[in-house]
């Protein structure tokens, strides 16, 4: 909805603003629905899941790193920090490795 209004007016900036606004609306709907269904939302975990990759992306963007460097660094450091903060269990890693092709998954194991 925001995309069709903001992109013609502001171009790329409008696309970024519309994505941000839509994410906030979606976050509110998910929070409301979760609360209504009595699902427990652990805000500390949720904050870490958002802050770690966004902080890394902001830092690398500040230093004008290229996407070829940014993407692997963000992935590796995010997963490492998730593991350190106990947001990523060993079973999560094993499940992720099981999704890889057999030749790749066995080499990493």
PDB file of N, CA and C in Angstrom:
ATOM      1  N   UNK A   1       0.825  -1.184   0.000  1.00  0.00           N
ATOM      2  CA  UNK A   1       0.000   0.000   0.000  1.00  0.00           C
ATOM      3  C   UNK A   1       0.877   1.259   0.000  1.00  0.00           C
ATOM      4  N   UNK A   2       1.850   1.314   0.922  1.00  0.00           N
ATOM      5  CA  UNK A   2       2.730   2.483   1.000  1.00  0.00           C
ATOM      6  C   UNK A   2       3.608   2.596  -0.238  1.00  0.00           C
ATOM      7  N   UNK A   3       3.969   1.449  -0.794  1.00  0.00           N
ATOM      8  CA  UNK A   3       4.882   1.415  -1.937  1.00  0.00           C
ATOM      9  C   UNK A   3       4.324   2.222  -3.101  1.00  0.00           C
ATOM     10  N   UNK A   4       3.060   2.007  -3.412  1.00  0.00           N
ATOM     11  CA  UNK A   4       2.461   2.668  -4.566  1.00  0.00           C
ATOM     12  C   UNK A   4       2.309   4.170  -4.371  1.00  0.00           C
ATOM     13  N   UNK A   5       2.284   4.610  -3.137  1.00  0.00           N
ATOM     14  CA  UNK A   5       2.152   6.037  -2.852  1.00  0.00           C
ATOM     15  C   UNK A   5       3.524   6.715  -2.767  1.00  0.00           C
ATOM     16  N   UNK A   6       4.461   6.086  -2.055  1.00  0.00           N
ATOM     17  CA  UNK A   6       5.721   6.749  -1.746  1.00  0.00           C
ATOM     18  C   UNK A   6       6.782   6.650  -2.842  1.00  0.00           C
ATOM     19  N   UNK A   7       6.797   5.551  -3.598  1.00  0.00           N
ATOM     20  CA  UNK A   7       7.828   5.413  -4.631  1.00  0.00           C
ATOM     21  C   UNK A   7       7.692   6.454  -5.733  1.00  0.00           C
ATOM     22  N   UNK A   8       6.479   6.705  -6.267  1.00  0.00           N
ATOM     23  CA  UNK A   8       6.396   7.768  -7.281  1.00  0.00           C
ATOM     24  C   UNK A   8       6.795   9.148  -6.748  1.00  0.00           C
ATOM     25  N   UNK A   9       6.557   9.374  -5.465  1.00  0.00           N
ATOM     26  CA  UNK A   9       6.887  10.672  -4.886  1.00  0.00           C
ATOM     27  C   UNK A   9       8.370  10.825  -4.554  1.00  0.00           C
ATOM     28  N   UNK A  10       8.980   9.769  -3.981  1.00  0.00           N
ATOM     29  CA  UNK A  10      10.332   9.893  -3.445  1.00  0.00           C
ATOM     30  C   UNK A  10      11.358   8.936  -4.052  1.00  0.00           C
ATOM     31  N   UNK A  11      10.964   8.096  -4.991  1.00  0.00           N
ATOM     32  CA  UNK A  11      11.914   7.190  -5.646  1.00  0.00           C
ATOM     33  C   UNK A  11      12.433   6.111  -4.700  1.00  0.00           C
ATOM     34  N   UNK A  12      13.767   5.927  -4.711  1.00  0.00           N
ATOM     35  CA  UNK A  12      14.385   4.889  -3.876  1.00  0.00           C
ATOM     36  C   UNK A  12      14.157   5.133  -2.385  1.00  0.00           C
ATOM     37  N   UNK A  13      14.180   6.375  -1.979  1.00  0.00           N
ATOM     38  CA  UNK A  13      13.921   6.698  -0.579  1.00  0.00           C
ATOM     39  C   UNK A  13      12.499   6.311  -0.203  1.00  0.00           C
ATOM     40  N   UNK A  14      11.550   6.537  -1.091  1.00  0.00           N
ATOM     41  CA  UNK A  14      10.164   6.133  -0.853  1.00  0.00           C
ATOM     42  C   UNK A  14      10.030   4.633  -0.712  1.00  0.00           C
ATOM     43  N   UNK A  15      10.812   3.874  -1.492  1.00  0.00           N
ATOM     44  CA  UNK A  15      10.791   2.413  -1.377  1.00  0.00           C
ATOM     45  C   UNK A  15      11.304   1.977  -0.013  1.00  0.00           C
ATOM     46  N   UNK A  16      12.368   2.613   0.461  1.00  0.00           N
ATOM     47  CA  UNK A  16      12.919   2.281   1.775  1.00  0.00           C
ATOM     48  C   UNK A  16      11.934   2.644   2.892  1.00  0.00           C
ATOM     49  N   UNK A  17      11.313   3.806   2.775  1.00  0.00           N
ATOM     50  CA  UNK A  17      10.343   4.236   3.786  1.00  0.00           C
ATOM     51  C   UNK A  17       9.132   3.306   3.783  1.00  0.00           C
ATOM     52  N   UNK A  18       8.654   2.932   2.595  1.00  0.00           N
ATOM     53  CA  UNK A  18       7.478   2.057   2.531  1.00  0.00           C
ATOM     54  C   UNK A  18       7.787   0.690   3.112  1.00  0.00           C
ATOM     55  N   UNK A  19       8.987   0.154   2.857  1.00  0.00           N
ATOM     56  CA  UNK A  19       9.363  -1.133   3.433  1.00  0.00           C
ATOM     57  C   UNK A  19       9.410  -1.051   4.948  1.00  0.00           C
ATOM     58  N   UNK A  20       9.964   0.039   5.461  1.00  0.00           N
ATOM     59  CA  UNK A  20      10.044   0.224   6.910  1.00  0.00           C
ATOM     60  C   UNK A  20       8.649   0.338   7.521  1.00  0.00           C
ATOM     61  N   UNK A  21       7.792   1.144   6.930  1.00  0.00           N
ATOM     62  CA  UNK A  21       6.433   1.311   7.451  1.00  0.00           C
ATOM     63  C   UNK A  21       5.644  -0.004   7.399  1.00  0.00           C
ATOM     64  N   UNK A  22       5.775  -0.722   6.296  1.00  0.00           N
ATOM     65  CA  UNK A  22       5.064  -1.997   6.171  1.00  0.00           C
ATOM     66  C   UNK A  22       5.577  -3.008   7.196  1.00  0.00           C
ATOM     67  N   UNK A  23       6.881  -2.991   7.464  1.00  0.00           N
ATOM     68  CA  UNK A  23       7.441  -3.890   8.476  1.00  0.00           C
ATOM     69  C   UNK A  23       6.901  -3.555   9.865  1.00  0.00           C
ATOM     70  N   UNK A  24       6.788  -2.263  10.163  1.00  0.00           N
ATOM     71  CA  UNK A  24       6.246  -1.859  11.463  1.00  0.00           C
ATOM     72  C   UNK A  24       4.772  -2.247  11.602  1.00  0.00           C
ATOM     73  N   UNK A  25       3.991  -2.074  10.526  1.00  0.00           N
ATOM     74  CA  UNK A  25       2.575  -2.476  10.561  1.00  0.00           C
ATOM     75  C   UNK A  25       2.479  -3.985  10.760  1.00  0.00           C
ATOM     76  N   UNK A  26       3.288  -4.722  10.029  1.00  0.00           N
ATOM     77  CA  UNK A  26       3.282  -6.184  10.158  1.00  0.00           C
ATOM     78  C   UNK A  26       3.686  -6.609  11.569  1.00  0.00           C
ATOM     79  N   UNK A  27       4.692  -5.947  12.123  1.00  0.00           N
ATOM     80  CA  UNK A  27       5.132  -6.241  13.485  1.00  0.00           C
ATOM     81  C   UNK A  27       3.998  -6.005  14.485  1.00  0.00           C
ATOM     82  N   UNK A  28       3.263  -4.905  14.307  1.00  0.00           N
ATOM     83  CA  UNK A  28       2.128  -4.618  15.184  1.00  0.00           C
ATOM     84  C   UNK A  28       1.032  -5.662  15.069  1.00  0.00           C
ATOM     85  N   UNK A  29       0.743  -6.092  13.852  1.00  0.00           N
ATOM     86  CA  UNK A  29      -0.288  -7.116  13.651  1.00  0.00           C
ATOM     87  C   UNK A  29       0.129  -8.429  14.280  1.00  0.00           C
ATOM     88  N   UNK A  30       1.382  -8.802  14.102  1.00  0.00           N
ATOM     89  CA  UNK A  30       1.878 -10.047  14.697  1.00  0.00           C
ATOM     90  C   UNK A  30       1.834  -9.965  16.216  1.00  0.00           C
ATOM     91  N   UNK A  31       2.239  -8.831  16.785  1.00  0.00           N
ATOM     92  CA  UNK A  31       2.181  -8.667  18.231  1.00  0.00           C
ATOM     93  C   UNK A  31       0.769  -8.735  18.768  1.00  0.00           C
ATOM     94  N   UNK A  32      -0.156  -8.074  18.087  1.00  0.00           N
ATOM     95  CA  UNK A  32      -1.561  -8.097  18.511  1.00  0.00           C
ATOM     96  C   UNK A  32      -2.132  -9.508  18.415  1.00  0.00           C
ATOM     97  N   UNK A  33      -1.876 -10.172  17.298  1.00  0.00           N
ATOM     98  CA  UNK A  33      -2.389 -11.526  17.109  1.00  0.00           C
ATOM     99  C   UNK A  33      -1.789 -12.490  18.129  1.00  0.00           C
ATOM    100  N   UNK A  34      -0.484 -12.354  18.365  1.00  0.00           N
ATOM    101  CA  UNK A  34       0.170 -13.220  19.343  1.00  0.00           C
ATOM    102  C   UNK A  34      -0.366 -13.017  20.744  1.00  0.00           C
ATOM    103  N   UNK A  35      -0.621 -11.776  21.102  1.00  0.00           N
ATOM    104  CA  UNK A  35      -1.160 -11.483  22.429  1.00  0.00           C
ATOM    105  C   UNK A  35      -2.595 -11.998  22.554  1.00  0.00           C
ATOM    106  N   UNK A  36      -3.363 -11.834  21.498  1.00  0.00           N
ATOM    107  CA  UNK A  36      -4.753 -12.285  21.515  1.00  0.00           C
ATOM    108  C   UNK A  36      -4.835 -13.804  21.632  1.00  0.00           C
ATOM    109  N   UNK A  37      -3.903 -14.502  20.996  1.00  0.00           N
ATOM    110  CA  UNK A  37      -3.873 -15.961  21.065  1.00  0.00           C
ATOM    111  C   UNK A  37      -3.079 -16.465  22.259  1.00  0.00           C
ATOM    112  N   UNK A  38      -2.647 -15.568  23.114  1.00  0.00           N
ATOM    113  CA  UNK A  38      -1.900 -15.862  24.333  1.00  0.00           C
ATOM    114  C   UNK A  38      -0.576 -16.559  24.058  1.00  0.00           C
ATOM    115  N   UNK A  39       0.076 -16.172  22.954  1.00  0.00           N
ATOM    116  CA  UNK A  39       1.420 -16.657  22.665  1.00  0.00           C
ATOM    117  C   UNK A  39       2.416 -15.786  23.407  1.00  0.00           C
ATOM    118  N   UNK A  40       3.411 -16.409  23.974  1.00  0.00           N
ATOM    119  CA  UNK A  40       4.427 -15.689  24.725  1.00  0.00           C
ATOM    120  C   UNK A  40       5.474 -15.134  23.764  1.00  0.00           C
ATOM    121  N   UNK A  41       5.676 -13.842  23.783  1.00  0.00           N
ATOM    122  CA  UNK A  41       6.697 -13.206  22.963  1.00  0.00           C
ATOM    123  C   UNK A  41       7.845 -12.822  23.887  1.00  0.00           C
ATOM    124  N   UNK A  42       9.018 -13.372  23.613  1.00  0.00           N
ATOM    125  CA  UNK A  42      10.192 -13.084  24.427  1.00  0.00           C
ATOM    126  C   UNK A  42      10.930 -11.925  23.761  1.00  0.00           C
ATOM    127  N   UNK A  43      10.716 -10.734  24.295  1.00  0.00           N
ATOM    128  CA  UNK A  43      11.194  -9.515  23.659  1.00  0.00           C
ATOM    129  C   UNK A  43      12.709  -9.418  23.628  1.00  0.00           C
ATOM    130  N   UNK A  44      13.391  -9.975  24.638  1.00  0.00           N
ATOM    131  CA  UNK A  44      14.851  -9.923  24.657  1.00  0.00           C
ATOM    132  C   UNK A  44      15.427 -10.724  23.489  1.00  0.00           C
ATOM    133  N   UNK A  45      14.894 -11.905  23.243  1.00  0.00           N
ATOM    134  CA  UNK A  45      15.356 -12.709  22.107  1.00  0.00           C
ATOM    135  C   UNK A  45      15.055 -12.005  20.791  1.00  0.00           C
ATOM    136  N   UNK A  46      13.867 -11.461  20.693  1.00  0.00           N
ATOM    137  CA  UNK A  46      13.463 -10.773  19.475  1.00  0.00           C
ATOM    138  C   UNK A  46      14.368  -9.573  19.199  1.00  0.00           C
ATOM    139  N   UNK A  47      14.717  -8.846  20.242  1.00  0.00           N
ATOM    140  CA  UNK A  47      15.601  -7.689  20.085  1.00  0.00           C
ATOM    141  C   UNK A  47      16.983  -8.122  19.599  1.00  0.00           C
ATOM    142  N   UNK A  48      17.518  -9.189  20.180  1.00  0.00           N
ATOM    143  CA  UNK A  48      18.824  -9.674  19.742  1.00  0.00           C
ATOM    144  C   UNK A  48      18.805 -10.120  18.288  1.00  0.00           C
ATOM    145  N   UNK A  49      17.743 -10.792  17.888  1.00  0.00           N
ATOM    146  CA  UNK A  49      17.640 -11.285  16.519  1.00  0.00           C
ATOM    147  C   UNK A  49      17.613 -10.129  15.526  1.00  0.00           C
ATOM    148  N   UNK A  50      17.050  -8.996  15.913  1.00  0.00           N
ATOM    149  CA  UNK A  50      17.014  -7.833  15.029  1.00  0.00           C
ATOM    150  C   UNK A  50      18.281  -6.988  15.135  1.00  0.00           C
ATOM    151  N   UNK A  51      18.756  -6.764  16.344  1.00  0.00           N
ATOM    152  CA  UNK A  51      19.848  -5.817  16.573  1.00  0.00           C
ATOM    153  C   UNK A  51      21.186  -6.325  16.052  1.00  0.00           C
ATOM    154  N   UNK A  52      21.471  -7.608  16.219  1.00  0.00           N
ATOM    155  CA  UNK A  52      22.781  -8.123  15.825  1.00  0.00           C
ATOM    156  C   UNK A  52      23.031  -7.942  14.326  1.00  0.00           C
ATOM    157  N   UNK A  53      22.186  -8.490  13.433  1.00  0.00           N
ATOM    158  CA  UNK A  53      22.489  -8.304  12.008  1.00  0.00           C
ATOM    159  C   UNK A  53      22.375  -6.851  11.544  1.00  0.00           C
ATOM    160  N   UNK A  54      21.408  -6.117  12.098  1.00  0.00           N
ATOM    161  CA  UNK A  54      21.261  -4.721  11.688  1.00  0.00           C
ATOM    162  C   UNK A  54      22.454  -3.886  12.144  1.00  0.00           C
ATOM    163  N   UNK A  55      22.952  -4.159  13.334  1.00  0.00           N
ATOM    164  CA  UNK A  55      24.128  -3.446  13.823  1.00  0.00           C
ATOM    165  C   UNK A  55      25.360  -3.739  12.986  1.00  0.00           C
ATOM    166  N   UNK A  56      25.526  -5.007  12.619  1.00  0.00           N
ATOM    167  CA  UNK A  56      26.649  -5.370  11.753  1.00  0.00           C
ATOM    168  C   UNK A  56      26.515  -4.719  10.380  1.00  0.00           C
ATOM    169  N   UNK A  57      25.306  -4.747   9.818  1.00  0.00           N
ATOM    170  CA  UNK A  57      25.078  -4.143   8.504  1.00  0.00           C
ATOM    171  C   UNK A  57      25.329  -2.636   8.549  1.00  0.00           C
ATOM    172  N   UNK A  58      24.877  -1.983   9.605  1.00  0.00           N
ATOM    173  CA  UNK A  58      25.100  -0.540   9.743  1.00  0.00           C
ATOM    174  C   UNK A  58      26.587  -0.231   9.852  1.00  0.00           C
ATOM    175  N   UNK A  59      27.296  -1.019  10.647  1.00  0.00           N
ATOM    176  CA  UNK A  59      28.733  -0.798  10.831  1.00  0.00           C
ATOM    177  C   UNK A  59      29.490  -0.985   9.525  1.00  0.00           C
ATOM    178  N   UNK A  60      29.194  -2.077   8.819  1.00  0.00           N
ATOM    179  CA  UNK A  60      29.885  -2.316   7.550  1.00  0.00           C
ATOM    180  C   UNK A  60      29.494  -1.270   6.494  1.00  0.00           C
ATOM    181  N   UNK A  61      28.239  -0.857   6.505  1.00  0.00           N
ATOM    182  CA  UNK A  61      27.801   0.187   5.583  1.00  0.00           C
ATOM    183  C   UNK A  61      28.470   1.521   5.873  1.00  0.00           C
ATOM    184  N   UNK A  62      28.699   1.791   7.145  1.00  0.00           N
ATOM    185  CA  UNK A  62      29.372   3.029   7.539  1.00  0.00           C
ATOM    186  C   UNK A  62      30.786   3.089   6.962  1.00  0.00           C
ATOM    187  N   UNK A  63      31.443   1.924   6.904  1.00  0.00           N
ATOM    188  CA  UNK A  63      32.798   1.859   6.373  1.00  0.00           C
ATOM    189  C   UNK A  63      32.828   1.589   4.866  1.00  0.00           C
ATOM    190  N   UNK A  64      31.662   1.651   4.228  1.00  0.00           N
ATOM    191  CA  UNK A  64      31.524   1.494   2.779  1.00  0.00           C
ATOM    192  C   UNK A  64      32.107   0.186   2.257  1.00  0.00           C
ATOM    193  N   UNK A  65      31.840  -0.903   2.980  1.00  0.00           N
ATOM    194  CA  UNK A  65      32.279  -2.216   2.516  1.00  0.00           C
ATOM    195  C   UNK A  65      31.418  -2.639   1.328  1.00  0.00           C
ATOM    196  N   UNK A  66      31.976  -3.438   0.458  1.00  0.00           N
ATOM    197  CA  UNK A  66      31.226  -3.909  -0.707  1.00  0.00           C
ATOM    198  C   UNK A  66      30.321  -5.068  -0.295  1.00  0.00           C
ATOM    199  N   UNK A  67      29.237  -5.293  -1.025  1.00  0.00           N
ATOM    200  CA  UNK A  67      28.338  -6.397  -0.693  1.00  0.00           C
ATOM    201  C   UNK A  67      29.033  -7.760  -0.710  1.00  0.00           C
ATOM    202  N   UNK A  68      30.063  -7.910  -1.533  1.00  0.00           N
ATOM    203  CA  UNK A  68      30.794  -9.184  -1.583  1.00  0.00           C
ATOM    204  C   UNK A  68      31.451  -9.471  -0.233  1.00  0.00           C
ATOM    205  N   UNK A  69      31.850  -8.437   0.463  1.00  0.00           N
ATOM    206  CA  UNK A  69      32.441  -8.596   1.797  1.00  0.00           C
ATOM    207  C   UNK A  69      31.350  -8.587   2.863  1.00  0.00           C
ATOM    208  N   UNK A  70      30.374  -7.693   2.733  1.00  0.00           N
ATOM    209  CA  UNK A  70      29.335  -7.523   3.757  1.00  0.00           C
ATOM    210  C   UNK A  70      28.532  -8.794   4.004  1.00  0.00           C
ATOM    211  N   UNK A  71      28.055  -9.423   2.948  1.00  0.00           N
ATOM    212  CA  UNK A  71      27.145 -10.555   3.103  1.00  0.00           C
ATOM    213  C   UNK A  71      27.774 -11.700   3.890  1.00  0.00           C
ATOM    214  N   UNK A  72      28.966 -12.204   3.505  1.00  0.00           N
ATOM    215  CA  UNK A  72      29.545 -13.298   4.303  1.00  0.00           C
ATOM    216  C   UNK A  72      29.882 -12.881   5.730  1.00  0.00           C
ATOM    217  N   UNK A  73      30.380 -11.641   5.891  1.00  0.00           N
ATOM    218  CA  UNK A  73      30.748 -11.184   7.241  1.00  0.00           C
ATOM    219  C   UNK A  73      29.508 -11.111   8.131  1.00  0.00           C
ATOM    220  N   UNK A  74      28.423 -10.548   7.614  1.00  0.00           N
ATOM    221  CA  UNK A  74      27.194 -10.442   8.406  1.00  0.00           C
ATOM    222  C   UNK A  74      26.656 -11.832   8.753  1.00  0.00           C
ATOM    223  N   UNK A  75      26.658 -12.739   7.777  1.00  0.00           N
ATOM    224  CA  UNK A  75      26.166 -14.097   8.046  1.00  0.00           C
ATOM    225  C   UNK A  75      27.001 -14.802   9.104  1.00  0.00           C
ATOM    226  N   UNK A  76      28.310 -14.794   8.922  1.00  0.00           N
ATOM    227  CA  UNK A  76      29.182 -15.526   9.852  1.00  0.00           C
ATOM    228  C   UNK A  76      29.156 -14.895  11.242  1.00  0.00           C
ATOM    229  N   UNK A  77      29.305 -13.579  11.321  1.00  0.00           N
ATOM    230  CA  UNK A  77      29.307 -12.928  12.634  1.00  0.00           C
ATOM    231  C   UNK A  77      27.947 -13.014  13.329  1.00  0.00           C
ATOM    232  N   UNK A  78      26.858 -12.901  12.552  1.00  0.00           N
ATOM    233  CA  UNK A  78      25.524 -13.017  13.157  1.00  0.00           C
ATOM    234  C   UNK A  78      25.335 -14.398  13.759  1.00  0.00           C
ATOM    235  N   UNK A  79      25.658 -15.423  12.990  1.00  0.00           N
ATOM    236  CA  UNK A  79      25.497 -16.791  13.503  1.00  0.00           C
ATOM    237  C   UNK A  79      26.396 -17.048  14.704  1.00  0.00           C
ATOM    238  N   UNK A  80      27.618 -16.519  14.657  1.00  0.00           N
ATOM    239  CA  UNK A  80      28.535 -16.680  15.791  1.00  0.00           C
ATOM    240  C   UNK A  80      27.985 -15.991  17.039  1.00  0.00           C
ATOM    241  N   UNK A  81      27.506 -14.767  16.878  1.00  0.00           N
ATOM    242  CA  UNK A  81      26.950 -14.045  18.031  1.00  0.00           C
ATOM    243  C   UNK A  81      25.655 -14.686  18.534  1.00  0.00           C
ATOM    244  N   UNK A  82      24.841 -15.197  17.624  1.00  0.00           N
ATOM    245  CA  UNK A  82      23.634 -15.914  18.056  1.00  0.00           C
ATOM    246  C   UNK A  82      24.023 -17.123  18.900  1.00  0.00           C
ATOM    247  N   UNK A  83      25.055 -17.828  18.497  1.00  0.00           N
ATOM    248  CA  UNK A  83      25.514 -19.004  19.246  1.00  0.00           C
ATOM    249  C   UNK A  83      26.062 -18.581  20.607  1.00  0.00           C
ATOM    250  N   UNK A  84      26.839 -17.497  20.644  1.00  0.00           N
ATOM    251  CA  UNK A  84      27.407 -17.009  21.909  1.00  0.00           C
ATOM    252  C   UNK A  84      26.300 -16.596  22.878  1.00  0.00           C
ATOM    253  N   UNK A  85      25.260 -15.914  22.367  1.00  0.00           N
ATOM    254  CA  UNK A  85      24.158 -15.469  23.220  1.00  0.00           C
ATOM    255  C   UNK A  85      23.091 -16.536  23.428  1.00  0.00           C
ATOM    256  N   UNK A  86      23.385 -17.762  23.012  1.00  0.00           N
ATOM    257  CA  UNK A  86      22.484 -18.909  23.182  1.00  0.00           C
ATOM    258  C   UNK A  86      21.145 -18.727  22.477  1.00  0.00           C
ATOM    259  N   UNK A  87      21.156 -18.016  21.363  1.00  0.00           N
ATOM    260  CA  UNK A  87      19.960 -17.879  20.538  1.00  0.00           C
ATOM    261  C   UNK A  87      19.947 -18.939  19.438  1.00  0.00           C
ATOM    262  N   UNK A  88      21.066 -19.599  19.262  1.00  0.00           N
ATOM    263  CA  UNK A  88      21.216 -20.609  18.229  1.00  0.00           C
ATOM    264  C   UNK A  88      21.708 -21.876  18.907  1.00  0.00           C
ATOM    265  N   UNK A  89      20.891 -22.926  18.873  1.00  0.00           N
ATOM    266  CA  UNK A  89      21.253 -24.187  19.510  1.00  0.00           C
ATOM    267  C   UNK A  89      21.994 -25.082  18.524  1.00  0.00           C
ATOM    268  N   UNK A  90      22.658 -26.081  19.062  1.00  0.00           N
ATOM    269  CA  UNK A  90      23.376 -27.027  18.204  1.00  0.00           C
ATOM    270  C   UNK A  90      22.415 -27.750  17.275  1.00  0.00           C
ATOM    271  N   UNK A  91      21.204 -28.003  17.736  1.00  0.00           N
ATOM    272  CA  UNK A  91      20.212 -28.670  16.882  1.00  0.00           C
ATOM    273  C   UNK A  91      19.835 -27.781  15.694  1.00  0.00           C
ATOM    274  N   UNK A  92      19.831 -26.464  15.882  1.00  0.00           N
ATOM    275  CA  UNK A  92      19.564 -25.537  14.767  1.00  0.00           C
ATOM    276  C   UNK A  92      20.650 -25.653  13.705  1.00  0.00           C
ATOM    277  N   UNK A  93      21.900 -25.753  14.155  1.00  0.00           N
ATOM    278  CA  UNK A  93      23.018 -25.878  13.224  1.00  0.00           C
ATOM    279  C   UNK A  93      22.904 -27.188  12.457  1.00  0.00           C
ATOM    280  N   UNK A  94      22.600 -28.272  13.175  1.00  0.00           N
ATOM    281  CA  UNK A  94      22.473 -29.576  12.513  1.00  0.00           C
ATOM    282  C   UNK A  94      21.328 -29.570  11.505  1.00  0.00           C
ATOM    283  N   UNK A  95      20.219 -28.961  11.839  1.00  0.00           N
ATOM    284  CA  UNK A  95      19.089 -28.877  10.909  1.00  0.00           C
ATOM    285  C   UNK A  95      19.476 -28.092   9.670  1.00  0.00           C
ATOM    286  N   UNK A  96      20.203 -26.997   9.860  1.00  0.00           N
ATOM    287  CA  UNK A  96      20.650 -26.197   8.719  1.00  0.00           C
ATOM    288  C   UNK A  96      21.597 -26.986   7.830  1.00  0.00           C
ATOM    289  N   UNK A  97      22.495 -27.749   8.441  1.00  0.00           N
ATOM    290  CA  UNK A  97      23.421 -28.561   7.657  1.00  0.00           C
ATOM    291  C   UNK A  97      22.691 -29.668   6.906  1.00  0.00           C
ATOM    292  N   UNK A  98      21.626 -30.194   7.487  1.00  0.00           N
ATOM    293  CA  UNK A  98      20.851 -31.233   6.814  1.00  0.00           C
ATOM    294  C   UNK A  98      20.156 -30.700   5.557  1.00  0.00           C
ATOM    295  N   UNK A  99      19.914 -29.407   5.502  1.00  0.00           N
ATOM    296  CA  UNK A  99      19.273 -28.816   4.332  1.00  0.00           C
ATOM    297  C   UNK A  99      20.220 -28.682   3.144  1.00  0.00           C
ATOM    298  N   UNK A 100      21.523 -28.669   3.420  1.00  0.00           N
ATOM    299  CA  UNK A 100      22.506 -28.538   2.355  1.00  0.00           C
ATOM    300  C   UNK A 100      22.592 -29.832   1.549  1.00  0.00           C
ATOM    301  N   UNK A 101      23.090 -29.758   0.319  1.00  0.00           N
ATOM    302  CA  UNK A 101      23.321 -30.989  -0.446  1.00  0.00           C
ATOM    303  C   UNK A 101      24.271 -31.914   0.312  1.00  0.00           C
ATOM    304  N   UNK A 102      24.133 -33.220   0.106  1.00  0.00           N
ATOM    305  CA  UNK A 102      24.904 -34.196   0.868  1.00  0.00           C
ATOM    306  C   UNK A 102      26.414 -33.956   0.791  1.00  0.00           C
ATOM    307  N   UNK A 103      26.927 -33.644  -0.379  1.00  0.00           N
ATOM    308  CA  UNK A 103      28.377 -33.447  -0.519  1.00  0.00           C
ATOM    309  C   UNK A 103      28.854 -32.259   0.314  1.00  0.00           C
ATOM    310  N   UNK A 104      28.056 -31.214   0.388  1.00  0.00           N
ATOM    311  CA  UNK A 104      28.435 -30.024   1.150  1.00  0.00           C
ATOM    312  C   UNK A 104      28.238 -30.236   2.648  1.00  0.00           C
ATOM    313  N   UNK A 105      27.102 -30.792   3.037  1.00  0.00           N
ATOM    314  CA  UNK A 105      26.793 -30.973   4.460  1.00  0.00           C
ATOM    315  C   UNK A 105      27.766 -31.898   5.150  1.00  0.00           C
ATOM    316  N   UNK A 106      28.175 -32.974   4.486  1.00  0.00           N
ATOM    317  CA  UNK A 106      29.102 -33.927   5.089  1.00  0.00           C
ATOM    318  C   UNK A 106      30.496 -33.327   5.216  1.00  0.00           C
ATOM    319  N   UNK A 107      30.877 -32.486   4.255  1.00  0.00           N
ATOM    320  CA  UNK A 107      32.191 -31.831   4.325  1.00  0.00           C
ATOM    321  C   UNK A 107      32.264 -30.883   5.513  1.00  0.00           C
ATOM    322  N   UNK A 108      31.197 -30.148   5.772  1.00  0.00           N
ATOM    323  CA  UNK A 108      31.175 -29.188   6.876  1.00  0.00           C
ATOM    324  C   UNK A 108      31.113 -29.903   8.213  1.00  0.00           C
ATOM    325  N   UNK A 109      30.336 -30.989   8.294  1.00  0.00           N
ATOM    326  CA  UNK A 109      30.223 -31.750   9.553  1.00  0.00           C
ATOM    327  C   UNK A 109      31.570 -32.229   9.966  1.00  0.00           C
TER     328      UNK A 109
END
